[in-house]
């Protein structure tokens, strides 16, 4: 008989033990699959890294947050914890707010205590030519021009859009 009176398989191994081993093996296989899966056809960890220049633009951030950004600051995607590189240029201007005037026309204005900011960052990433795939990959995430993101740069964080992506050199 396969199971004895104590519920052991061939009198030696418990059914519960077999189930636990199967669950552990399934979990290991799932983690292995997740770590080796890549959207670009080769592992991102072994893909040749390009020097990427990526620019972010925010039309309305608190002045104190804009002034806290400096050249050389480390920049990351706040939500994905992906590192972009170091800040190479910061341009601060008047904030840009959109609203309707008394005629119903959409006009721009500036808001006191707020600024616009354009941050340029250089760092290693996988650049795509737009033929087989597009955008750029930093770490484990893909980024595209026009995409909204929360940028963590130095001690500041703010909502912005990817303004431009270039492959350097």
C-alpha atoms as a PDB file:
ATOM      1  CA  UNK A   1       0.000   0.000   0.000  1.00  0.00           C
ATOM      2  CA  UNK A   2       1.270   3.489  -0.852  1.00  0.00           C
ATOM      3  CA  UNK A   3      -0.067   5.243   2.291  1.00  0.00           C
ATOM      4  CA  UNK A   4       0.157   3.590   5.695  1.00  0.00           C
ATOM      5  CA  UNK A   5      -2.193   4.163   8.663  1.00  0.00           C
ATOM      6  CA  UNK A   6      -0.154   7.202   9.841  1.00  0.00           C
ATOM      7  CA  UNK A   7      -0.478   8.985   6.464  1.00  0.00           C
ATOM      8  CA  UNK A   8       3.128   8.384   5.432  1.00  0.00           C
ATOM      9  CA  UNK A   9       4.097   7.643   1.850  1.00  0.00           C
ATOM     10  CA  UNK A  10       5.779   4.198   1.689  1.00  0.00           C
ATOM     11  CA  UNK A  11       5.936   4.377   5.489  1.00  0.00           C
ATOM     12  CA  UNK A  12       8.712   7.017   5.417  1.00  0.00           C
ATOM     13  CA  UNK A  13       7.617  10.401   3.982  1.00  0.00           C
ATOM     14  CA  UNK A  14       4.596  12.430   5.090  1.00  0.00           C
ATOM     15  CA  UNK A  15       2.243  13.820   2.415  1.00  0.00           C
ATOM     16  CA  UNK A  16       2.592  17.250   4.088  1.00  0.00           C
ATOM     17  CA  UNK A  17       6.397  17.044   3.640  1.00  0.00           C
ATOM     18  CA  UNK A  18       5.960  16.323  -0.074  1.00  0.00           C
ATOM     19  CA  UNK A  19       3.587  19.299  -0.474  1.00  0.00           C
ATOM     20  CA  UNK A  20       5.994  21.638   1.341  1.00  0.00           C
ATOM     21  CA  UNK A  21       8.891  20.550  -0.901  1.00  0.00           C
ATOM     22  CA  UNK A  22       6.743  21.119  -4.030  1.00  0.00           C
ATOM     23  CA  UNK A  23       5.701  24.622  -2.864  1.00  0.00           C
ATOM     24  CA  UNK A  24       9.320  25.587  -2.102  1.00  0.00           C
ATOM     25  CA  UNK A  25      10.517  24.302  -5.504  1.00  0.00           C
ATOM     26  CA  UNK A  26       7.699  26.212  -7.234  1.00  0.00           C
ATOM     27  CA  UNK A  27       8.638  29.423  -5.411  1.00  0.00           C
ATOM     28  CA  UNK A  28      12.309  29.038  -6.369  1.00  0.00           C
ATOM     29  CA  UNK A  29      11.362  28.433 -10.016  1.00  0.00           C
ATOM     30  CA  UNK A  30       9.067  31.505 -10.002  1.00  0.00           C
ATOM     31  CA  UNK A  31      11.735  33.786  -8.548  1.00  0.00           C
ATOM     32  CA  UNK A  32      14.306  32.457 -11.020  1.00  0.00           C
ATOM     33  CA  UNK A  33      11.963  33.111 -13.945  1.00  0.00           C
ATOM     34  CA  UNK A  34      11.190  36.643 -12.739  1.00  0.00           C
ATOM     35  CA  UNK A  35      14.872  37.533 -12.318  1.00  0.00           C
ATOM     36  CA  UNK A  36      15.923  36.258 -15.749  1.00  0.00           C
ATOM     37  CA  UNK A  37      12.972  37.674 -17.724  1.00  0.00           C
ATOM     38  CA  UNK A  38      13.763  40.774 -19.819  1.00  0.00           C
ATOM     39  CA  UNK A  39      11.718  42.948 -22.179  1.00  0.00           C
ATOM     40  CA  UNK A  40      14.681  43.737 -24.427  1.00  0.00           C
ATOM     41  CA  UNK A  41      15.615  40.199 -25.352  1.00  0.00           C
ATOM     42  CA  UNK A  42      18.840  40.069 -23.338  1.00  0.00           C
ATOM     43  CA  UNK A  43      19.392  40.449 -19.631  1.00  0.00           C
ATOM     44  CA  UNK A  44      19.499  44.129 -18.680  1.00  0.00           C
ATOM     45  CA  UNK A  45      22.303  43.351 -16.253  1.00  0.00           C
ATOM     46  CA  UNK A  46      24.538  42.141 -19.115  1.00  0.00           C
ATOM     47  CA  UNK A  47      23.375  44.587 -21.812  1.00  0.00           C
ATOM     48  CA  UNK A  48      25.943  47.144 -22.974  1.00  0.00           C
ATOM     49  CA  UNK A  49      25.316  50.395 -21.130  1.00  0.00           C
ATOM     50  CA  UNK A  50      25.219  53.655 -23.054  1.00  0.00           C
ATOM     51  CA  UNK A  51      25.895  57.127 -21.657  1.00  0.00           C
ATOM     52  CA  UNK A  52      22.396  58.657 -21.556  1.00  0.00           C
ATOM     53  CA  UNK A  53      21.425  62.321 -21.163  1.00  0.00           C
ATOM     54  CA  UNK A  54      17.848  62.604 -19.931  1.00  0.00           C
ATOM     55  CA  UNK A  55      16.023  65.883 -19.215  1.00  0.00           C
ATOM     56  CA  UNK A  56      13.018  66.374 -16.950  1.00  0.00           C
ATOM     57  CA  UNK A  57      10.678  69.382 -16.910  1.00  0.00           C
ATOM     58  CA  UNK A  58       8.210  70.486 -14.248  1.00  0.00           C
ATOM     59  CA  UNK A  59       6.103  73.595 -14.865  1.00  0.00           C
ATOM     60  CA  UNK A  60       5.138  74.254 -11.252  1.00  0.00           C
ATOM     61  CA  UNK A  61       7.150  73.164  -8.204  1.00  0.00           C
ATOM     62  CA  UNK A  62       7.662  74.958  -4.878  1.00  0.00           C
ATOM     63  CA  UNK A  63      10.539  77.455  -5.142  1.00  0.00           C
ATOM     64  CA  UNK A  64      12.362  75.889  -2.204  1.00  0.00           C
ATOM     65  CA  UNK A  65      12.313  72.462  -3.911  1.00  0.00           C
ATOM     66  CA  UNK A  66      13.698  73.904  -7.163  1.00  0.00           C
ATOM     67  CA  UNK A  67      16.461  75.827  -5.350  1.00  0.00           C
ATOM     68  CA  UNK A  68      17.536  72.661  -3.488  1.00  0.00           C
ATOM     69  CA  UNK A  69      18.567  70.944  -6.764  1.00  0.00           C
ATOM     70  CA  UNK A  70      22.277  71.303  -7.624  1.00  0.00           C
ATOM     71  CA  UNK A  71      24.737  70.027 -10.214  1.00  0.00           C
ATOM     72  CA  UNK A  72      26.237  66.731  -9.084  1.00  0.00           C
ATOM     73  CA  UNK A  73      23.141  65.622  -7.127  1.00  0.00           C
ATOM     74  CA  UNK A  74      22.110  61.990  -7.534  1.00  0.00           C
ATOM     75  CA  UNK A  75      18.746  61.577  -9.315  1.00  0.00           C
ATOM     76  CA  UNK A  76      16.323  58.652  -8.993  1.00  0.00           C
ATOM     77  CA  UNK A  77      12.798  57.674  -9.946  1.00  0.00           C
ATOM     78  CA  UNK A  78      10.946  57.927  -6.622  1.00  0.00           C
ATOM     79  CA  UNK A  79       8.321  55.244  -7.356  1.00  0.00           C
ATOM     80  CA  UNK A  80      10.621  52.585  -8.832  1.00  0.00           C
ATOM     81  CA  UNK A  81      13.812  53.439  -6.889  1.00  0.00           C
ATOM     82  CA  UNK A  82      15.742  53.420 -10.182  1.00  0.00           C
ATOM     83  CA  UNK A  83      18.893  55.553 -10.384  1.00  0.00           C
ATOM     84  CA  UNK A  84      19.253  57.828 -13.444  1.00  0.00           C
ATOM     85  CA  UNK A  85      22.672  59.334 -12.710  1.00  0.00           C
ATOM     86  CA  UNK A  86      23.992  62.751 -11.690  1.00  0.00           C
ATOM     87  CA  UNK A  87      22.607  66.214 -12.421  1.00  0.00           C
ATOM     88  CA  UNK A  88      24.632  68.075 -15.088  1.00  0.00           C
ATOM     89  CA  UNK A  89      22.428  71.166 -15.548  1.00  0.00           C
ATOM     90  CA  UNK A  90      19.572  72.945 -13.742  1.00  0.00           C
ATOM     91  CA  UNK A  91      17.418  75.690 -15.302  1.00  0.00           C
ATOM     92  CA  UNK A  92      14.929  77.467 -13.011  1.00  0.00           C
ATOM     93  CA  UNK A  93      12.308  79.840 -14.419  1.00  0.00           C
ATOM     94  CA  UNK A  94       8.887  81.296 -13.642  1.00  0.00           C
ATOM     95  CA  UNK A  95       6.164  78.776 -12.906  1.00  0.00           C
ATOM     96  CA  UNK A  96       3.654  78.082 -15.656  1.00  0.00           C
ATOM     97  CA  UNK A  97      -0.005  77.841 -14.622  1.00  0.00           C
ATOM     98  CA  UNK A  98      -2.861  77.375 -17.093  1.00  0.00           C
ATOM     99  CA  UNK A  99      -6.304  78.891 -16.489  1.00  0.00           C
ATOM    100  CA  UNK A 100      -9.228  80.425 -18.346  1.00  0.00           C
ATOM    101  CA  UNK A 101      -9.560  84.227 -18.432  1.00  0.00           C
ATOM    102  CA  UNK A 102     -12.844  86.171 -18.326  1.00  0.00           C
ATOM    103  CA  UNK A 103     -13.321  85.527 -22.076  1.00  0.00           C
ATOM    104  CA  UNK A 104     -12.942  81.770 -21.606  1.00  0.00           C
ATOM    105  CA  UNK A 105      -9.547  81.679 -23.324  1.00  0.00           C
ATOM    106  CA  UNK A 106      -6.835  79.487 -21.840  1.00  0.00           C
ATOM    107  CA  UNK A 107      -3.891  81.652 -20.765  1.00  0.00           C
ATOM    108  CA  UNK A 108      -0.676  81.108 -18.858  1.00  0.00           C
ATOM    109  CA  UNK A 109       0.376  82.882 -15.726  1.00  0.00           C
ATOM    110  CA  UNK A 110       2.933  82.540 -12.971  1.00  0.00           C
ATOM    111  CA  UNK A 111       2.224  81.593  -9.354  1.00  0.00           C
ATOM    112  CA  UNK A 112       4.061  83.294  -6.457  1.00  0.00           C
ATOM    113  CA  UNK A 113       6.287  80.927  -4.487  1.00  0.00           C
ATOM    114  CA  UNK A 114       6.543  78.426  -7.355  1.00  0.00           C
ATOM    115  CA  UNK A 115       9.051  77.893 -10.180  1.00  0.00           C
ATOM    116  CA  UNK A 116       9.448  75.851 -13.320  1.00  0.00           C
ATOM    117  CA  UNK A 117      12.509  73.623 -13.479  1.00  0.00           C
ATOM    118  CA  UNK A 118      14.375  71.702 -16.155  1.00  0.00           C
ATOM    119  CA  UNK A 119      16.886  69.168 -14.825  1.00  0.00           C
ATOM    120  CA  UNK A 120      19.405  67.439 -17.109  1.00  0.00           C
ATOM    121  CA  UNK A 121      20.970  64.202 -15.876  1.00  0.00           C
ATOM    122  CA  UNK A 122      23.695  61.932 -17.260  1.00  0.00           C
ATOM    123  CA  UNK A 123      24.002  58.284 -16.392  1.00  0.00           C
ATOM    124  CA  UNK A 124      24.339  54.715 -17.676  1.00  0.00           C
ATOM    125  CA  UNK A 125      21.343  53.123 -19.378  1.00  0.00           C
ATOM    126  CA  UNK A 126      20.324  50.999 -22.355  1.00  0.00           C
ATOM    127  CA  UNK A 127      19.329  53.250 -25.271  1.00  0.00           C
ATOM    128  CA  UNK A 128      16.908  51.926 -27.879  1.00  0.00           C
ATOM    129  CA  UNK A 129      16.917  53.105 -31.505  1.00  0.00           C
ATOM    130  CA  UNK A 130      13.122  53.077 -31.919  1.00  0.00           C
ATOM    131  CA  UNK A 131      13.163  50.351 -34.585  1.00  0.00           C
ATOM    132  CA  UNK A 132      12.959  47.128 -32.590  1.00  0.00           C
ATOM    133  CA  UNK A 133      11.987  48.817 -29.330  1.00  0.00           C
ATOM    134  CA  UNK A 134      12.005  52.353 -28.004  1.00  0.00           C
ATOM    135  CA  UNK A 135      12.807  54.497 -25.001  1.00  0.00           C
ATOM    136  CA  UNK A 136      15.650  53.929 -22.595  1.00  0.00           C
ATOM    137  CA  UNK A 137      16.130  51.433 -19.787  1.00  0.00           C
ATOM    138  CA  UNK A 138      17.617  52.417 -16.441  1.00  0.00           C
ATOM    139  CA  UNK A 139      18.081  49.578 -13.990  1.00  0.00           C
ATOM    140  CA  UNK A 140      14.908  47.557 -14.350  1.00  0.00           C
ATOM    141  CA  UNK A 141      12.462  50.086 -15.806  1.00  0.00           C
ATOM    142  CA  UNK A 142      11.726  51.617 -19.207  1.00  0.00           C
ATOM    143  CA  UNK A 143      11.323  55.382 -19.672  1.00  0.00           C
ATOM    144  CA  UNK A 144       9.968  57.398 -22.619  1.00  0.00           C
ATOM    145  CA  UNK A 145       9.813  61.076 -23.622  1.00  0.00           C
ATOM    146  CA  UNK A 146       6.577  62.641 -22.327  1.00  0.00           C
ATOM    147  CA  UNK A 147       6.168  60.150 -19.467  1.00  0.00           C
ATOM    148  CA  UNK A 148       5.208  61.553 -16.063  1.00  0.00           C
ATOM    149  CA  UNK A 149       7.331  60.535 -13.117  1.00  0.00           C
ATOM    150  CA  UNK A 150       8.218  61.603  -9.597  1.00  0.00           C
ATOM    151  CA  UNK A 151      11.863  62.668  -9.575  1.00  0.00           C
ATOM    152  CA  UNK A 152      13.930  62.393  -6.403  1.00  0.00           C
ATOM    153  CA  UNK A 153      16.988  64.599  -6.843  1.00  0.00           C
ATOM    154  CA  UNK A 154      19.229  65.570  -3.959  1.00  0.00           C
ATOM    155  CA  UNK A 155      16.835  66.318  -1.094  1.00  0.00           C
ATOM    156  CA  UNK A 156      13.956  67.388  -3.373  1.00  0.00           C
ATOM    157  CA  UNK A 157      11.153  65.446  -4.956  1.00  0.00           C
ATOM    158  CA  UNK A 158       8.577  66.656  -7.473  1.00  0.00           C
ATOM    159  CA  UNK A 159       6.239  65.511 -10.230  1.00  0.00           C
ATOM    160  CA  UNK A 160       7.661  66.114 -13.725  1.00  0.00           C
ATOM    161  CA  UNK A 161       7.725  64.887 -17.327  1.00  0.00           C
ATOM    162  CA  UNK A 162      10.580  63.426 -19.326  1.00  0.00           C
ATOM    163  CA  UNK A 163      11.415  66.247 -21.722  1.00  0.00           C
ATOM    164  CA  UNK A 164      14.206  64.702 -23.798  1.00  0.00           C
ATOM    165  CA  UNK A 165      16.350  61.553 -24.050  1.00  0.00           C
ATOM    166  CA  UNK A 166      19.688  61.478 -25.915  1.00  0.00           C
ATOM    167  CA  UNK A 167      22.467  58.968 -26.333  1.00  0.00           C
ATOM    168  CA  UNK A 168      25.806  60.689 -25.673  1.00  0.00           C
ATOM    169  CA  UNK A 169      28.974  59.710 -27.517  1.00  0.00           C
END
